[in-house]
């Protein structure tokens, strides 16, 4: 009888360890996916000052638009949670749209090789951000499913694994900023 109890307890302990380890791996994958989003967002933030400076050279009197882009970039860089990041990115996307709309009024700017290169880089970065967001959300889905389903939800609750937020964007920001002329 004691052997049977020992075997059952051993199997139960191994099951708990296996579930715990799976939750840790999934949490780490989610963290890694968020890091990939963050890398692409940083690339985007690095491109923005160059873009603003290029446009300033042609449209120096449009101070309000430039300040809005700079403020939006700063807010996005300071966002702490996934929800705050999504909101800040929506605001930044709107500010970039205004910047590109402003550029429409300056044919010399649109013809500038530097501006075109920055447009292309930003467009590529937006594509990479989109892919990174999708990977993050897919990874988060897998993690959240494990945290919320039986039997792993018991282990998740015992060890403090919590559901993660998805990176969602508002309807107005669902499309990539228009960068083509």
N, C-alpha and C. Protein backbone atom coordinates (compact mmCIF):
# COMPACT_ATOMS: atom_id res chain seq x y z
N UNK A 1 0.82 -1.19 0.00
CA UNK A 1 0.00 0.00 0.00
C UNK A 1 0.87 1.26 0.00
N UNK A 2 1.91 1.25 0.81
CA UNK A 2 2.80 2.40 0.88
C UNK A 2 3.51 2.61 -0.45
N UNK A 3 3.82 1.52 -1.15
CA UNK A 3 4.49 1.63 -2.44
C UNK A 3 3.55 2.28 -3.46
N UNK A 4 2.31 1.90 -3.44
CA UNK A 4 1.33 2.47 -4.37
C UNK A 4 1.17 3.96 -4.11
N UNK A 5 1.08 4.36 -2.85
CA UNK A 5 0.96 5.77 -2.50
C UNK A 5 2.22 6.52 -2.93
N UNK A 6 3.37 5.91 -2.73
CA UNK A 6 4.63 6.52 -3.14
C UNK A 6 4.71 6.70 -4.64
N UNK A 7 4.27 5.70 -5.40
CA UNK A 7 4.29 5.77 -6.86
C UNK A 7 3.31 6.86 -7.34
N UNK A 8 2.13 6.90 -6.79
CA UNK A 8 1.14 7.90 -7.18
C UNK A 8 1.66 9.30 -6.84
N UNK A 9 2.24 9.44 -5.65
CA UNK A 9 2.79 10.75 -5.26
C UNK A 9 3.93 11.14 -6.19
N UNK A 10 4.77 10.18 -6.57
CA UNK A 10 5.88 10.46 -7.50
C UNK A 10 5.37 10.88 -8.87
N UNK A 11 4.37 10.19 -9.37
CA UNK A 11 3.78 10.53 -10.67
C UNK A 11 3.14 11.92 -10.60
N UNK A 12 2.43 12.19 -9.52
CA UNK A 12 1.81 13.50 -9.34
C UNK A 12 2.86 14.60 -9.28
N UNK A 13 3.95 14.36 -8.57
CA UNK A 13 5.03 15.33 -8.48
C UNK A 13 5.66 15.57 -9.86
N UNK A 14 5.89 14.51 -10.61
CA UNK A 14 6.45 14.65 -11.96
C UNK A 14 5.50 15.43 -12.88
N UNK A 15 4.20 15.20 -12.74
CA UNK A 15 3.21 15.93 -13.54
C UNK A 15 3.24 17.41 -13.19
N UNK A 16 3.31 17.72 -11.91
CA UNK A 16 3.38 19.12 -11.48
C UNK A 16 4.63 19.78 -12.02
N UNK A 17 5.75 19.10 -11.94
CA UNK A 17 7.01 19.64 -12.46
C UNK A 17 6.93 19.88 -13.96
N UNK A 18 6.36 18.92 -14.69
CA UNK A 18 6.24 19.05 -16.14
C UNK A 18 5.34 20.23 -16.51
N UNK A 19 4.22 20.37 -15.83
CA UNK A 19 3.32 21.48 -16.11
C UNK A 19 3.97 22.81 -15.76
N UNK A 20 4.63 22.87 -14.62
CA UNK A 20 5.32 24.09 -14.20
C UNK A 20 6.38 24.49 -15.24
N UNK A 21 7.17 23.52 -15.66
CA UNK A 21 8.22 23.81 -16.65
C UNK A 21 7.62 24.28 -17.97
N UNK A 22 6.50 23.71 -18.37
CA UNK A 22 5.84 24.16 -19.61
C UNK A 22 5.36 25.60 -19.47
N UNK A 23 4.79 25.94 -18.34
CA UNK A 23 4.34 27.31 -18.10
C UNK A 23 5.51 28.29 -18.12
N UNK A 24 6.62 27.89 -17.54
CA UNK A 24 7.81 28.76 -17.55
C UNK A 24 8.29 28.96 -18.98
N UNK A 25 8.35 27.90 -19.78
CA UNK A 25 8.78 28.03 -21.18
C UNK A 25 7.85 28.94 -21.96
N UNK A 26 6.56 28.77 -21.77
CA UNK A 26 5.59 29.61 -22.48
C UNK A 26 5.69 31.07 -22.03
N UNK A 27 5.87 31.29 -20.74
CA UNK A 27 6.03 32.67 -20.26
C UNK A 27 7.29 33.29 -20.86
N UNK A 28 8.36 32.53 -20.91
CA UNK A 28 9.60 33.04 -21.50
C UNK A 28 9.45 33.31 -22.99
N UNK A 29 8.73 32.47 -23.70
CA UNK A 29 8.47 32.73 -25.12
C UNK A 29 7.67 34.01 -25.30
N UNK A 30 6.70 34.23 -24.42
CA UNK A 30 5.90 35.45 -24.49
C UNK A 30 6.78 36.67 -24.23
N UNK A 31 7.65 36.57 -23.23
CA UNK A 31 8.57 37.68 -22.95
C UNK A 31 9.50 37.93 -24.14
N UNK A 32 9.98 36.86 -24.74
CA UNK A 32 10.84 37.00 -25.90
C UNK A 32 10.10 37.63 -27.07
N UNK A 33 8.86 37.23 -27.28
CA UNK A 33 8.07 37.81 -28.37
C UNK A 33 7.85 39.30 -28.13
N UNK A 34 7.62 39.68 -26.88
CA UNK A 34 7.46 41.10 -26.57
C UNK A 34 8.77 41.84 -26.84
N UNK A 35 9.88 41.22 -26.52
CA UNK A 35 11.18 41.85 -26.77
C UNK A 35 11.37 42.10 -28.26
N UNK A 36 10.89 41.19 -29.10
CA UNK A 36 11.01 41.37 -30.54
C UNK A 36 10.15 42.55 -31.01
N UNK A 37 8.97 42.70 -30.43
CA UNK A 37 8.14 43.87 -30.74
C UNK A 37 8.89 45.12 -30.33
N UNK A 38 9.45 45.08 -29.14
CA UNK A 38 10.17 46.24 -28.60
C UNK A 38 11.36 46.63 -29.48
N UNK A 39 12.07 45.65 -30.01
CA UNK A 39 13.21 45.93 -30.89
C UNK A 39 12.74 46.68 -32.14
N UNK A 40 11.65 46.23 -32.72
CA UNK A 40 11.14 46.88 -33.93
C UNK A 40 10.59 48.28 -33.62
N UNK A 41 9.97 48.42 -32.47
CA UNK A 41 9.48 49.75 -32.08
C UNK A 41 10.66 50.70 -31.87
N UNK A 42 11.74 50.20 -31.27
CA UNK A 42 12.93 51.04 -31.07
C UNK A 42 13.48 51.48 -32.42
N UNK A 43 13.50 50.57 -33.37
CA UNK A 43 13.97 50.93 -34.72
C UNK A 43 13.10 52.04 -35.30
N UNK A 44 11.81 51.90 -35.09
CA UNK A 44 10.86 52.93 -35.55
C UNK A 44 11.17 54.26 -34.88
N UNK A 45 11.36 54.24 -33.57
CA UNK A 45 11.65 55.47 -32.83
C UNK A 45 12.94 56.11 -33.30
N UNK A 46 13.93 55.29 -33.66
CA UNK A 46 15.21 55.83 -34.14
C UNK A 46 15.07 56.49 -35.50
N UNK A 47 14.16 56.02 -36.33
CA UNK A 47 13.95 56.60 -37.65
C UNK A 47 13.21 57.93 -37.60
N UNK A 48 12.36 58.08 -36.64
CA UNK A 48 11.48 59.25 -36.59
C UNK A 48 12.23 60.57 -36.51
N UNK A 49 13.25 60.74 -35.64
CA UNK A 49 13.95 62.04 -35.62
C UNK A 49 14.56 62.40 -36.97
N UNK A 50 15.13 61.42 -37.68
CA UNK A 50 15.70 61.69 -39.00
C UNK A 50 14.62 62.13 -39.97
N UNK A 51 13.49 61.48 -39.90
CA UNK A 51 12.37 61.83 -40.77
C UNK A 51 11.88 63.24 -40.49
N UNK A 52 11.71 63.56 -39.20
CA UNK A 52 11.25 64.90 -38.82
C UNK A 52 12.24 65.95 -39.29
N UNK A 53 13.52 65.72 -39.09
CA UNK A 53 14.54 66.69 -39.50
C UNK A 53 14.54 66.89 -41.01
N UNK A 54 14.35 65.81 -41.76
CA UNK A 54 14.30 65.92 -43.22
C UNK A 54 13.11 66.77 -43.65
N UNK A 55 11.95 66.52 -43.06
CA UNK A 55 10.76 67.28 -43.42
C UNK A 55 10.91 68.73 -42.95
N UNK A 56 11.51 68.94 -41.79
CA UNK A 56 11.71 70.31 -41.28
C UNK A 56 12.48 71.17 -42.27
N UNK A 57 13.43 70.58 -42.95
CA UNK A 57 14.22 71.33 -43.92
C UNK A 57 13.38 71.92 -45.04
N UNK A 58 12.25 71.30 -45.32
CA UNK A 58 11.38 71.77 -46.40
C UNK A 58 10.17 72.53 -45.89
N UNK A 59 9.77 72.22 -44.67
CA UNK A 59 8.52 72.81 -44.15
C UNK A 59 8.74 73.30 -42.72
N UNK A 60 9.70 74.16 -42.54
CA UNK A 60 10.10 74.58 -41.20
C UNK A 60 9.00 75.30 -40.43
N UNK A 61 8.00 75.84 -41.09
CA UNK A 61 6.95 76.59 -40.41
C UNK A 61 5.84 75.68 -39.84
N UNK A 62 5.94 74.38 -40.00
CA UNK A 62 4.91 73.44 -39.54
C UNK A 62 5.27 72.88 -38.16
N UNK A 63 5.62 73.76 -37.26
CA UNK A 63 6.12 73.40 -35.93
C UNK A 63 5.16 72.48 -35.16
N UNK A 64 3.87 72.75 -35.22
CA UNK A 64 2.89 71.97 -34.46
C UNK A 64 2.93 70.49 -34.84
N UNK A 65 3.03 70.21 -36.11
CA UNK A 65 3.08 68.83 -36.59
C UNK A 65 4.34 68.14 -36.08
N UNK A 66 5.48 68.82 -36.14
CA UNK A 66 6.73 68.23 -35.68
C UNK A 66 6.69 67.95 -34.19
N UNK A 67 6.15 68.90 -33.44
CA UNK A 67 6.07 68.71 -31.99
C UNK A 67 5.16 67.54 -31.63
N UNK A 68 4.07 67.37 -32.38
CA UNK A 68 3.16 66.25 -32.12
C UNK A 68 3.86 64.91 -32.35
N UNK A 69 4.67 64.83 -33.39
CA UNK A 69 5.39 63.59 -33.67
C UNK A 69 6.41 63.32 -32.56
N UNK A 70 7.14 64.35 -32.16
CA UNK A 70 8.16 64.19 -31.11
C UNK A 70 7.51 63.78 -29.78
N UNK A 71 6.39 64.40 -29.45
CA UNK A 71 5.69 64.06 -28.21
C UNK A 71 5.14 62.64 -28.26
N UNK A 72 4.59 62.26 -29.40
CA UNK A 72 4.05 60.91 -29.55
C UNK A 72 5.15 59.87 -29.44
N UNK A 73 6.31 60.15 -30.01
CA UNK A 73 7.45 59.24 -29.93
C UNK A 73 7.88 59.09 -28.48
N UNK A 74 7.98 60.20 -27.76
CA UNK A 74 8.40 60.16 -26.36
C UNK A 74 7.41 59.36 -25.51
N UNK A 75 6.12 59.58 -25.74
CA UNK A 75 5.09 58.85 -25.00
C UNK A 75 5.17 57.35 -25.28
N UNK A 76 5.42 57.00 -26.52
CA UNK A 76 5.52 55.58 -26.88
C UNK A 76 6.74 54.94 -26.23
N UNK A 77 7.83 55.66 -26.16
CA UNK A 77 9.04 55.11 -25.55
C UNK A 77 8.89 54.94 -24.04
N UNK A 78 8.02 55.72 -23.42
CA UNK A 78 7.85 55.66 -21.97
C UNK A 78 6.75 54.71 -21.53
N UNK A 79 6.00 54.15 -22.46
CA UNK A 79 4.89 53.26 -22.12
C UNK A 79 5.41 52.07 -21.33
N UNK A 80 4.68 51.71 -20.28
CA UNK A 80 5.14 50.64 -19.41
C UNK A 80 4.46 49.30 -19.63
N UNK A 81 3.17 49.32 -19.88
CA UNK A 81 2.43 48.07 -20.05
C UNK A 81 2.08 47.87 -21.52
N UNK A 82 1.62 46.69 -21.83
CA UNK A 82 1.21 46.40 -23.21
C UNK A 82 0.05 47.31 -23.61
N UNK A 83 -0.89 47.54 -22.70
CA UNK A 83 -2.03 48.41 -23.00
C UNK A 83 -1.56 49.84 -23.26
N UNK A 84 -0.66 50.34 -22.41
CA UNK A 84 -0.13 51.69 -22.60
C UNK A 84 0.65 51.79 -23.90
N UNK A 85 1.39 50.74 -24.22
CA UNK A 85 2.16 50.71 -25.46
C UNK A 85 1.24 50.78 -26.67
N UNK A 86 0.16 50.01 -26.64
CA UNK A 86 -0.80 50.02 -27.76
C UNK A 86 -1.41 51.41 -27.94
N UNK A 87 -1.79 52.03 -26.84
CA UNK A 87 -2.38 53.37 -26.91
C UNK A 87 -1.37 54.39 -27.44
N UNK A 88 -0.14 54.31 -26.96
CA UNK A 88 0.90 55.25 -27.41
C UNK A 88 1.23 55.03 -28.87
N UNK A 89 1.25 53.80 -29.32
CA UNK A 89 1.53 53.51 -30.72
C UNK A 89 0.42 54.03 -31.63
N UNK A 90 -0.81 53.96 -31.16
CA UNK A 90 -1.92 54.52 -31.93
C UNK A 90 -1.73 56.02 -32.12
N UNK A 91 -1.35 56.70 -31.05
CA UNK A 91 -1.12 58.15 -31.09
C UNK A 91 0.04 58.47 -32.03
N UNK A 92 1.11 57.69 -31.95
CA UNK A 92 2.28 57.91 -32.80
C UNK A 92 1.93 57.67 -34.27
N UNK A 93 1.16 56.65 -34.55
CA UNK A 93 0.75 56.37 -35.93
C UNK A 93 -0.04 57.54 -36.50
N UNK A 94 -0.94 58.10 -35.69
CA UNK A 94 -1.71 59.27 -36.13
C UNK A 94 -0.82 60.47 -36.41
N UNK A 95 0.18 60.69 -35.54
CA UNK A 95 1.11 61.81 -35.74
C UNK A 95 1.94 61.61 -37.00
N UNK A 96 2.35 60.38 -37.26
CA UNK A 96 3.11 60.11 -38.49
C UNK A 96 2.25 60.32 -39.73
N UNK A 97 0.99 59.96 -39.64
CA UNK A 97 0.09 60.19 -40.77
C UNK A 97 0.01 61.68 -41.10
N UNK A 98 -0.08 62.50 -40.05
CA UNK A 98 -0.12 63.96 -40.26
C UNK A 98 1.17 64.44 -40.90
N UNK A 99 2.30 63.88 -40.46
CA UNK A 99 3.60 64.28 -41.01
C UNK A 99 3.67 63.94 -42.50
N UNK A 100 3.22 62.75 -42.87
CA UNK A 100 3.26 62.36 -44.27
C UNK A 100 2.24 63.13 -45.10
N UNK A 101 1.11 63.48 -44.49
CA UNK A 101 0.14 64.32 -45.20
C UNK A 101 0.74 65.69 -45.47
N UNK A 102 1.49 66.21 -44.52
CA UNK A 102 2.18 67.49 -44.69
C UNK A 102 3.19 67.40 -45.84
N UNK A 103 3.88 66.29 -45.91
CA UNK A 103 4.89 66.12 -46.95
C UNK A 103 4.28 66.13 -48.35
N UNK A 104 3.01 65.78 -48.45
CA UNK A 104 2.31 65.81 -49.74
C UNK A 104 2.36 67.20 -50.37
N UNK A 105 2.41 68.23 -49.53
CA UNK A 105 2.39 69.61 -50.03
C UNK A 105 3.74 70.10 -50.53
N UNK A 106 4.76 69.26 -50.43
CA UNK A 106 6.11 69.70 -50.80
C UNK A 106 6.72 68.73 -51.83
N UNK A 107 6.52 69.01 -53.12
CA UNK A 107 7.03 68.10 -54.15
C UNK A 107 8.54 67.91 -54.08
N UNK A 108 9.28 68.98 -53.70
CA UNK A 108 10.75 68.83 -53.61
C UNK A 108 11.11 67.83 -52.53
N UNK A 109 10.34 67.83 -51.44
CA UNK A 109 10.59 66.89 -50.35
C UNK A 109 10.33 65.47 -50.82
N UNK A 110 9.22 65.26 -51.49
CA UNK A 110 8.90 63.91 -51.97
C UNK A 110 9.97 63.40 -52.94
N UNK A 111 10.60 64.32 -53.65
CA UNK A 111 11.63 63.92 -54.62
C UNK A 111 12.99 63.70 -53.95
N UNK A 112 13.14 64.13 -52.71
CA UNK A 112 14.41 64.00 -52.00
C UNK A 112 14.76 62.53 -51.78
N UNK A 113 15.98 62.16 -52.15
CA UNK A 113 16.42 60.78 -51.99
C UNK A 113 16.47 60.38 -50.52
N UNK A 114 16.91 61.29 -49.67
CA UNK A 114 16.97 61.02 -48.24
C UNK A 114 15.57 60.73 -47.70
N UNK A 115 14.59 61.53 -48.09
CA UNK A 115 13.22 61.33 -47.64
C UNK A 115 12.67 59.99 -48.14
N UNK A 116 12.92 59.68 -49.40
CA UNK A 116 12.45 58.40 -49.95
C UNK A 116 13.08 57.22 -49.21
N UNK A 117 14.37 57.32 -48.90
CA UNK A 117 15.04 56.24 -48.16
C UNK A 117 14.43 56.07 -46.77
N UNK A 118 14.16 57.19 -46.11
CA UNK A 118 13.53 57.13 -44.79
C UNK A 118 12.12 56.54 -44.87
N UNK A 119 11.38 56.91 -45.93
CA UNK A 119 10.05 56.34 -46.14
C UNK A 119 10.13 54.83 -46.28
N UNK A 120 11.07 54.38 -47.10
CA UNK A 120 11.21 52.94 -47.32
C UNK A 120 11.59 52.22 -46.03
N UNK A 121 12.51 52.79 -45.28
CA UNK A 121 12.91 52.16 -44.02
C UNK A 121 11.75 52.11 -43.04
N UNK A 122 10.99 53.19 -42.97
CA UNK A 122 9.84 53.21 -42.06
C UNK A 122 8.79 52.20 -42.51
N UNK A 123 8.56 52.10 -43.79
CA UNK A 123 7.60 51.13 -44.30
C UNK A 123 8.03 49.70 -43.97
N UNK A 124 9.31 49.39 -44.15
CA UNK A 124 9.83 48.07 -43.79
C UNK A 124 9.69 47.82 -42.30
N UNK A 125 9.97 48.84 -41.52
CA UNK A 125 9.87 48.71 -40.07
C UNK A 125 8.43 48.47 -39.65
N UNK A 126 7.49 49.17 -40.27
CA UNK A 126 6.08 48.97 -39.95
C UNK A 126 5.67 47.52 -40.26
N UNK A 127 6.18 46.98 -41.36
CA UNK A 127 5.89 45.58 -41.69
C UNK A 127 6.45 44.65 -40.63
N UNK A 128 7.67 44.92 -40.19
CA UNK A 128 8.30 44.09 -39.16
C UNK A 128 7.57 44.21 -37.83
N UNK A 129 7.09 45.40 -37.51
CA UNK A 129 6.31 45.59 -36.28
C UNK A 129 5.03 44.77 -36.36
N UNK A 130 4.39 44.78 -37.50
CA UNK A 130 3.16 44.03 -37.68
C UNK A 130 3.39 42.53 -37.46
N UNK A 131 4.46 42.01 -38.03
CA UNK A 131 4.79 40.59 -37.85
C UNK A 131 5.12 40.30 -36.39
N UNK A 132 5.91 41.17 -35.77
CA UNK A 132 6.29 40.96 -34.37
C UNK A 132 5.06 41.01 -33.45
N UNK A 133 4.12 41.90 -33.74
CA UNK A 133 2.88 41.96 -32.96
C UNK A 133 2.11 40.66 -33.09
N UNK A 134 2.01 40.15 -34.31
CA UNK A 134 1.28 38.91 -34.53
C UNK A 134 1.94 37.75 -33.78
N UNK A 135 3.25 37.67 -33.84
CA UNK A 135 3.96 36.61 -33.12
C UNK A 135 3.73 36.75 -31.62
N UNK A 136 3.81 37.98 -31.12
CA UNK A 136 3.57 38.21 -29.69
C UNK A 136 2.16 37.75 -29.31
N UNK A 137 1.16 38.15 -30.08
CA UNK A 137 -0.22 37.79 -29.76
C UNK A 137 -0.44 36.28 -29.86
N UNK A 138 0.17 35.63 -30.84
CA UNK A 138 0.05 34.17 -30.96
C UNK A 138 0.69 33.47 -29.76
N UNK A 139 1.86 33.94 -29.37
CA UNK A 139 2.57 33.36 -28.23
C UNK A 139 1.78 33.61 -26.94
N UNK A 140 1.22 34.80 -26.82
CA UNK A 140 0.42 35.13 -25.65
C UNK A 140 -0.83 34.25 -25.59
N UNK A 141 -1.43 33.98 -26.74
CA UNK A 141 -2.60 33.10 -26.77
C UNK A 141 -2.26 31.72 -26.22
N UNK A 142 -1.15 31.16 -26.67
CA UNK A 142 -0.73 29.84 -26.20
C UNK A 142 -0.46 29.86 -24.70
N UNK A 143 0.24 30.88 -24.24
CA UNK A 143 0.53 31.02 -22.82
C UNK A 143 -0.77 31.16 -22.02
N UNK A 144 -1.64 32.08 -22.44
CA UNK A 144 -2.90 32.31 -21.72
C UNK A 144 -3.76 31.05 -21.68
N UNK A 145 -3.78 30.31 -22.78
CA UNK A 145 -4.55 29.06 -22.78
C UNK A 145 -4.02 28.10 -21.72
N UNK A 146 -2.71 28.03 -21.59
CA UNK A 146 -2.13 27.14 -20.58
C UNK A 146 -2.41 27.62 -19.17
N UNK A 147 -2.40 28.92 -18.97
CA UNK A 147 -2.67 29.48 -17.64
C UNK A 147 -4.13 29.30 -17.25
N UNK A 148 -5.02 29.23 -18.22
CA UNK A 148 -6.45 29.22 -17.93
C UNK A 148 -7.13 27.86 -18.06
N UNK A 149 -6.44 26.86 -18.58
CA UNK A 149 -7.09 25.56 -18.78
C UNK A 149 -6.62 24.53 -17.76
N UNK A 150 -7.48 23.55 -17.53
CA UNK A 150 -7.23 22.47 -16.58
C UNK A 150 -6.28 21.48 -17.24
N UNK A 151 -5.33 20.94 -16.56
CA UNK A 151 -5.00 21.07 -15.14
C UNK A 151 -3.94 22.15 -14.86
N UNK A 152 -3.41 22.73 -15.93
CA UNK A 152 -2.31 23.67 -15.71
C UNK A 152 -2.75 24.94 -14.99
N UNK A 153 -4.05 25.26 -15.03
CA UNK A 153 -4.50 26.46 -14.32
C UNK A 153 -4.30 26.33 -12.81
N UNK A 154 -4.36 25.12 -12.26
CA UNK A 154 -4.10 24.93 -10.83
C UNK A 154 -2.65 25.23 -10.50
N UNK A 155 -1.76 24.74 -11.33
CA UNK A 155 -0.32 24.98 -11.12
C UNK A 155 -0.02 26.46 -11.33
N UNK A 156 -0.62 27.05 -12.37
CA UNK A 156 -0.42 28.47 -12.64
C UNK A 156 -0.86 29.32 -11.45
N UNK A 157 -2.00 28.98 -10.88
CA UNK A 157 -2.49 29.72 -9.72
C UNK A 157 -1.58 29.57 -8.51
N UNK A 158 -1.07 28.37 -8.30
CA UNK A 158 -0.20 28.13 -7.14
C UNK A 158 1.12 28.89 -7.25
N UNK A 159 1.62 29.06 -8.49
CA UNK A 159 2.94 29.66 -8.67
C UNK A 159 2.89 31.08 -9.24
N UNK A 160 1.70 31.67 -9.29
CA UNK A 160 1.58 33.08 -9.65
C UNK A 160 1.70 33.40 -11.14
N UNK A 161 1.45 32.45 -12.02
CA UNK A 161 1.43 32.75 -13.45
C UNK A 161 0.13 33.49 -13.75
N UNK A 162 0.23 34.62 -14.43
CA UNK A 162 -0.95 35.42 -14.70
C UNK A 162 -1.15 35.58 -16.21
N UNK A 163 -2.40 35.80 -16.57
CA UNK A 163 -2.76 36.02 -17.97
C UNK A 163 -2.07 37.29 -18.46
N UNK A 164 -1.60 37.27 -19.69
CA UNK A 164 -0.94 38.43 -20.31
C UNK A 164 -1.91 39.13 -21.25
N UNK A 165 -1.69 40.42 -21.42
CA UNK A 165 -2.54 41.22 -22.32
C UNK A 165 -2.05 41.07 -23.75
N UNK A 166 -2.98 41.16 -24.68
CA UNK A 166 -2.64 41.17 -26.10
C UNK A 166 -2.28 42.58 -26.52
N UNK A 167 -1.49 42.68 -27.55
CA UNK A 167 -1.14 43.98 -28.12
C UNK A 167 -2.17 44.27 -29.20
N UNK A 168 -3.16 45.06 -28.83
CA UNK A 168 -4.24 45.40 -29.75
C UNK A 168 -4.14 46.88 -30.10
N UNK A 169 -4.52 47.20 -31.31
CA UNK A 169 -4.51 48.59 -31.74
C UNK A 169 -5.94 49.03 -32.01
N UNK A 170 -6.15 50.33 -31.89
CA UNK A 170 -7.48 50.89 -32.14
C UNK A 170 -7.78 50.81 -33.64
N UNK A 171 -9.04 50.88 -33.98
CA UNK A 171 -9.46 50.80 -35.38
C UNK A 171 -8.75 51.83 -36.25
N UNK A 172 -8.55 53.03 -35.74
CA UNK A 172 -7.93 54.11 -36.53
C UNK A 172 -6.48 53.82 -36.86
N UNK A 173 -5.85 52.98 -36.06
CA UNK A 173 -4.43 52.72 -36.26
C UNK A 173 -4.17 51.34 -36.85
N UNK A 174 -5.19 50.65 -37.29
CA UNK A 174 -5.00 49.29 -37.79
C UNK A 174 -4.22 49.23 -39.09
N UNK A 175 -4.24 50.30 -39.86
CA UNK A 175 -3.51 50.27 -41.12
C UNK A 175 -2.14 50.91 -40.93
N UNK A 176 -1.21 50.51 -41.76
CA UNK A 176 0.14 51.07 -41.73
C UNK A 176 0.06 52.52 -42.18
N UNK A 177 0.82 53.42 -41.56
CA UNK A 177 0.80 54.81 -42.03
C UNK A 177 1.13 54.88 -43.51
N UNK A 178 0.46 55.74 -44.22
CA UNK A 178 0.68 55.91 -45.66
C UNK A 178 2.02 56.59 -45.86
N UNK A 179 2.92 55.89 -46.54
CA UNK A 179 4.24 56.47 -46.78
C UNK A 179 4.56 56.55 -48.25
N UNK A 180 3.68 56.12 -49.10
CA UNK A 180 3.94 56.17 -50.54
C UNK A 180 3.41 57.46 -51.15
N UNK A 181 4.16 57.96 -52.13
CA UNK A 181 3.72 59.16 -52.83
C UNK A 181 3.62 58.88 -54.32
